[in-house]
Amino acid sequence: MSNRKVTFFHATQSRSASTLALMEELGADYELKVLDLKNNEQRGPEYLAINPLGKVPAIVHDGALVTERIAITLYLADLYPEKALAPAIGDALRGPYLRWLAFYAACFEPAIVDKINQHTPPVPSSSPYGDYDTVINTLAKQLEKGPWLLGERFIAADVLWGTALRWTMMVGAVPKLPVFEQYAARVCDRPAVQRASEFDARLLAQQPAA
C-alpha cells in the first residue's frame, strides 16, 4: 500500500500510550492529534463525532476509522508487514497472537477494572472473564515461556501487554510477580517504547493546567 499515513488521536497518561509505543516500534507514518483529558477535550463535539464513546486511541487511515486498542493493534501491525510484528495467516503463531489480543480485551481488562473499582466479582458462570485469579494465573503461566508473550518472537501484542502490566502493577491492580516484572521491564526497556514514554512526558509538560 503506497499511502500508509494515519491520523492518530492520542492523549497523555491514557490507554493510547501503548499505541504510541507501537507506532514507534513500526516506524509508522502518522499525524498526531493530541487530546487534553484534563480539559475534557475527548468529550467535545468534534471528537465525539469521531468516537461517540469519547475514548482514545482512535486512528483514521485512508478514510477508515478504527477504534479500540485491539483493533488498532491488529490494523497497524498488518499495515507494516515488513516489520514482522504480526504473524501472518498461515503462520503457526497467528492463532495464539489473536487469542492473546482478545484475552486482553475480553478477560484481563474487565478483571482489572473490577479489581480497581472494588466491584463485587460476578459469579464465574456469568462473568466474561471467569475469575480474577484464573486470569492472572493464566497470563503468568504463558509469560513463563518467555522471553516474550509467544516465546522467542517479539510481536505487536507484547507492546500492549508489557505497557499494561507496567501500569497495572504500579497501581496495585496486578501482583508484582517476578514473571510480570521481568517481562514488563523487557518490553519497556525497548528503545521504541522508551522514545514513546519520553515523547508523552514532553507532551504532558506542554499541556496547560486544567
Protein backbone atom coordinates (compact mmCIF):
# COMPACT_ATOMS: atom_id res chain seq x y z
CA MET A 1 0.00 0.00 0.00
CA SER A 2 1.50 3.32 -1.06
CA ASN A 3 -0.32 5.53 1.46
CA ARG A 4 0.22 4.31 4.99
CA LYS A 5 -0.08 7.61 6.85
CA VAL A 6 -2.65 7.53 9.62
CA THR A 7 -4.23 10.20 11.77
CA PHE A 8 -3.70 9.19 15.38
CA PHE A 9 -5.89 10.58 18.19
CA HIS A 10 -3.93 10.31 21.40
CA ALA A 11 -3.91 11.56 24.99
CA THR A 12 -1.12 11.51 27.53
CA GLN A 13 -1.46 9.27 30.59
CA SER A 14 -4.06 7.14 28.87
CA ARG A 15 -4.55 3.75 27.26
CA SER A 16 -3.30 5.13 23.95
CA ALA A 17 0.26 5.11 25.32
CA SER A 18 0.58 1.55 24.04
CA THR A 19 -0.50 2.64 20.57
CA LEU A 20 2.10 5.41 20.59
CA ALA A 21 4.74 2.83 21.53
CA LEU A 22 3.57 0.56 18.72
CA MET A 23 3.81 3.45 16.27
CA GLU A 24 7.43 3.85 17.33
CA GLU A 25 8.14 0.13 17.01
CA LEU A 26 6.72 0.16 13.48
CA GLY A 27 8.33 3.43 12.43
CA ALA A 28 4.80 4.35 11.35
CA ASP A 29 3.92 7.45 9.38
CA TYR A 30 1.28 9.32 11.35
CA GLU A 31 -0.23 12.71 12.07
CA LEU A 32 -0.71 13.17 15.80
CA LYS A 33 -3.87 14.74 17.21
CA VAL A 34 -3.45 15.26 20.95
CA LEU A 35 -6.48 15.49 23.23
CA ASP A 36 -6.21 17.00 26.70
CA LEU A 37 -8.16 14.71 29.00
CA LYS A 38 -7.85 17.10 31.95
CA ASN A 39 -9.82 19.65 29.97
CA ASN A 40 -12.27 17.03 28.68
CA GLU A 41 -11.36 17.52 25.03
CA GLN A 42 -12.29 13.87 24.45
CA ARG A 43 -15.88 14.85 25.32
CA GLY A 44 -16.05 17.76 22.93
CA PRO A 45 -18.41 17.53 19.95
CA GLU A 46 -15.56 17.40 17.43
CA TYR A 47 -14.05 14.27 18.91
CA LEU A 48 -17.36 12.66 19.82
CA ALA A 49 -18.19 12.81 16.12
CA ILE A 50 -15.15 10.54 15.64
CA ASN A 51 -15.67 8.27 18.64
CA PRO A 52 -19.02 8.67 20.43
CA LEU A 53 -17.55 6.86 23.46
CA GLY A 54 -15.04 9.66 23.94
CA LYS A 55 -12.16 7.20 24.20
CA VAL A 56 -8.63 7.16 22.88
CA PRO A 57 -6.88 5.86 20.91
CA ALA A 58 -8.51 6.16 17.52
CA ILE A 59 -6.95 6.20 14.08
CA VAL A 60 -8.13 7.14 10.63
CA HIS A 61 -6.42 5.62 7.62
CA ASP A 62 -7.44 6.04 4.02
CA GLY A 63 -10.92 7.11 5.11
CA ALA A 64 -11.40 4.19 7.51
CA LEU A 65 -11.96 4.89 11.20
CA VAL A 66 -10.58 2.33 13.64
CA THR A 67 -11.23 2.48 17.39
CA GLU A 68 -10.49 0.03 20.22
CA ARG A 69 -6.89 -0.76 21.03
CA ILE A 70 -7.05 -4.38 19.95
CA ALA A 71 -8.42 -3.47 16.53
CA ILE A 72 -5.86 -0.68 16.20
CA THR A 73 -3.00 -3.00 17.18
CA LEU A 74 -4.09 -5.55 14.60
CA TYR A 75 -4.61 -2.92 11.92
CA LEU A 76 -1.28 -1.16 12.38
CA ALA A 77 0.78 -4.32 12.64
CA ASP A 78 -0.80 -5.65 9.44
CA LEU A 79 -0.24 -2.29 7.74
CA TYR A 80 3.53 -2.76 8.17
CA PRO A 81 4.07 -6.45 7.36
CA GLU A 82 7.77 -5.91 6.71
CA LYS A 83 8.25 -5.21 10.43
CA ALA A 84 7.08 -8.78 11.19
CA LEU A 85 5.19 -7.77 14.34
CA ALA A 86 2.04 -9.62 13.25
CA PRO A 87 2.19 -13.34 12.45
CA ALA A 88 0.61 -13.77 9.02
CA ILE A 89 -2.32 -16.03 8.22
CA GLY A 90 -0.81 -19.48 7.82
CA ASP A 91 1.86 -18.79 10.46
CA ALA A 92 1.56 -21.15 13.42
CA LEU A 93 1.65 -18.15 15.77
CA ARG A 94 -1.31 -16.37 14.12
CA GLY A 95 -3.93 -18.11 16.26
CA PRO A 96 -2.11 -17.58 19.57
CA TYR A 97 -1.45 -13.95 18.58
CA LEU A 98 -5.17 -13.36 18.04
CA ARG A 99 -6.02 -15.28 21.19
CA TRP A 100 -3.87 -13.16 23.47
CA LEU A 101 -5.04 -9.88 21.98
CA ALA A 102 -8.64 -10.99 22.50
CA PHE A 103 -7.79 -12.25 26.00
CA TYR A 104 -6.55 -8.80 26.89
CA ALA A 105 -9.80 -7.10 25.91
CA ALA A 106 -12.27 -9.81 26.93
CA CYS A 107 -10.66 -11.08 30.15
CA PHE A 108 -7.74 -9.09 31.50
CA GLU A 109 -9.07 -5.55 31.26
CA PRO A 110 -12.59 -6.34 32.61
CA ALA A 111 -11.00 -8.24 35.53
CA ILE A 112 -8.65 -5.34 36.25
CA VAL A 113 -11.43 -2.74 36.10
CA ASP A 114 -13.48 -4.75 38.57
CA LYS A 115 -10.43 -5.07 40.81
CA ILE A 116 -9.56 -1.36 40.74
CA ASN A 117 -13.15 -0.28 41.39
CA GLN A 118 -13.65 -2.94 44.07
CA HIS A 119 -16.68 -4.31 42.30
CA THR A 120 -18.23 -7.46 43.66
CA PRO A 121 -16.92 -10.13 41.27
CA PRO A 122 -19.63 -11.71 39.12
CA VAL A 123 -20.16 -15.41 39.53
CA PRO A 124 -17.87 -17.29 37.11
CA SER A 125 -20.78 -18.69 35.11
CA SER A 126 -21.91 -15.18 34.10
CA SER A 127 -18.54 -13.41 34.11
CA PRO A 128 -16.87 -12.51 30.81
CA TYR A 129 -13.52 -13.43 32.34
CA GLY A 130 -14.31 -16.24 34.77
CA ASP A 131 -12.49 -15.02 37.86
CA TYR A 132 -9.60 -12.64 38.57
CA ASP A 133 -7.16 -15.22 39.97
CA THR A 134 -7.56 -17.51 36.98
CA VAL A 135 -6.93 -14.60 34.58
CA ILE A 136 -3.74 -13.66 36.43
CA ASN A 137 -2.51 -17.23 36.72
CA THR A 138 -3.23 -17.98 33.06
CA LEU A 139 -1.21 -14.94 31.99
CA ALA A 140 1.65 -15.75 34.35
CA LYS A 141 1.87 -19.30 33.04
CA GLN A 142 2.01 -18.03 29.47
CA LEU A 143 4.74 -15.50 30.20
CA GLU A 144 6.88 -18.08 31.95
CA LYS A 145 7.63 -19.48 28.48
CA GLY A 146 9.37 -16.14 27.72
CA PRO A 147 11.12 -14.04 26.90
CA TRP A 148 8.09 -12.68 25.02
CA LEU A 149 4.39 -13.46 25.08
CA LEU A 150 4.68 -16.18 22.43
CA GLY A 151 8.21 -17.27 23.17
CA GLU A 152 11.24 -16.12 21.21
CA ARG A 153 9.49 -13.76 18.79
CA PHE A 154 8.61 -10.19 19.77
CA ILE A 155 5.21 -9.18 18.36
CA ALA A 156 2.78 -6.27 18.48
CA ALA A 157 0.85 -7.88 21.33
CA ASP A 158 3.95 -7.57 23.52
CA VAL A 159 3.75 -3.79 23.31
CA LEU A 160 0.18 -3.88 24.59
CA TRP A 161 0.80 -6.40 27.36
CA GLY A 162 4.11 -5.03 28.55
CA THR A 163 2.92 -1.44 28.91
CA ALA A 164 -0.34 -2.60 30.51
CA LEU A 165 1.44 -4.72 33.09
CA ARG A 166 3.77 -1.86 33.98
CA TRP A 167 0.82 0.40 34.76
CA THR A 168 -1.43 -2.17 36.45
CA MET A 169 1.38 -3.29 38.74
CA MET A 170 2.15 0.34 39.53
CA VAL A 171 -1.42 0.97 40.73
CA GLY A 172 -1.66 -2.34 42.58
CA ALA A 173 -4.24 -3.94 40.31
CA VAL A 174 -1.88 -6.78 39.39
CA PRO A 175 0.50 -8.53 41.79
CA LYS A 176 4.20 -7.82 41.30
CA LEU A 177 5.13 -11.35 40.37
CA PRO A 178 8.72 -11.72 39.14
CA VAL A 179 7.50 -13.05 35.78
CA PHE A 180 5.37 -9.92 35.30
CA GLU A 181 8.07 -7.50 36.45
CA GLN A 182 10.75 -9.06 34.27
CA TYR A 183 8.51 -9.19 31.21
CA ALA A 184 7.29 -5.59 31.62
CA ALA A 185 10.88 -4.43 32.06
CA ARG A 186 11.97 -6.19 28.85
CA VAL A 187 9.17 -4.53 26.89
CA CYS A 188 9.51 -1.09 28.45
CA ASP A 189 13.30 -1.07 28.07
CA ARG A 190 12.98 -1.33 24.31
CA PRO A 191 14.22 1.87 22.62
CA ALA A 192 10.92 2.43 20.78
CA VAL A 193 8.88 2.14 23.98
CA GLN A 194 11.27 4.47 25.78
CA ARG A 195 11.02 7.03 22.97
CA ALA A 196 7.24 6.92 23.22
CA SER A 197 7.35 7.39 27.02
CA GLU A 198 9.74 10.33 26.73
CA PHE A 199 7.63 11.92 23.99
CA ASP A 200 4.50 11.51 26.11
CA ALA A 201 6.23 13.16 29.06
CA ARG A 202 7.12 16.15 26.89
CA LEU A 203 3.53 16.41 25.64
CA LEU A 204 2.25 16.33 29.20
CA ALA A 205 4.63 19.10 30.25
CA GLN A 206 3.38 21.29 27.40
CA GLN A 207 -0.29 20.98 28.32
CA PRO A 208 -1.89 23.88 30.21
CA ALA A 209 -3.25 23.27 33.66
CA ALA A 210 -6.90 22.25 33.85
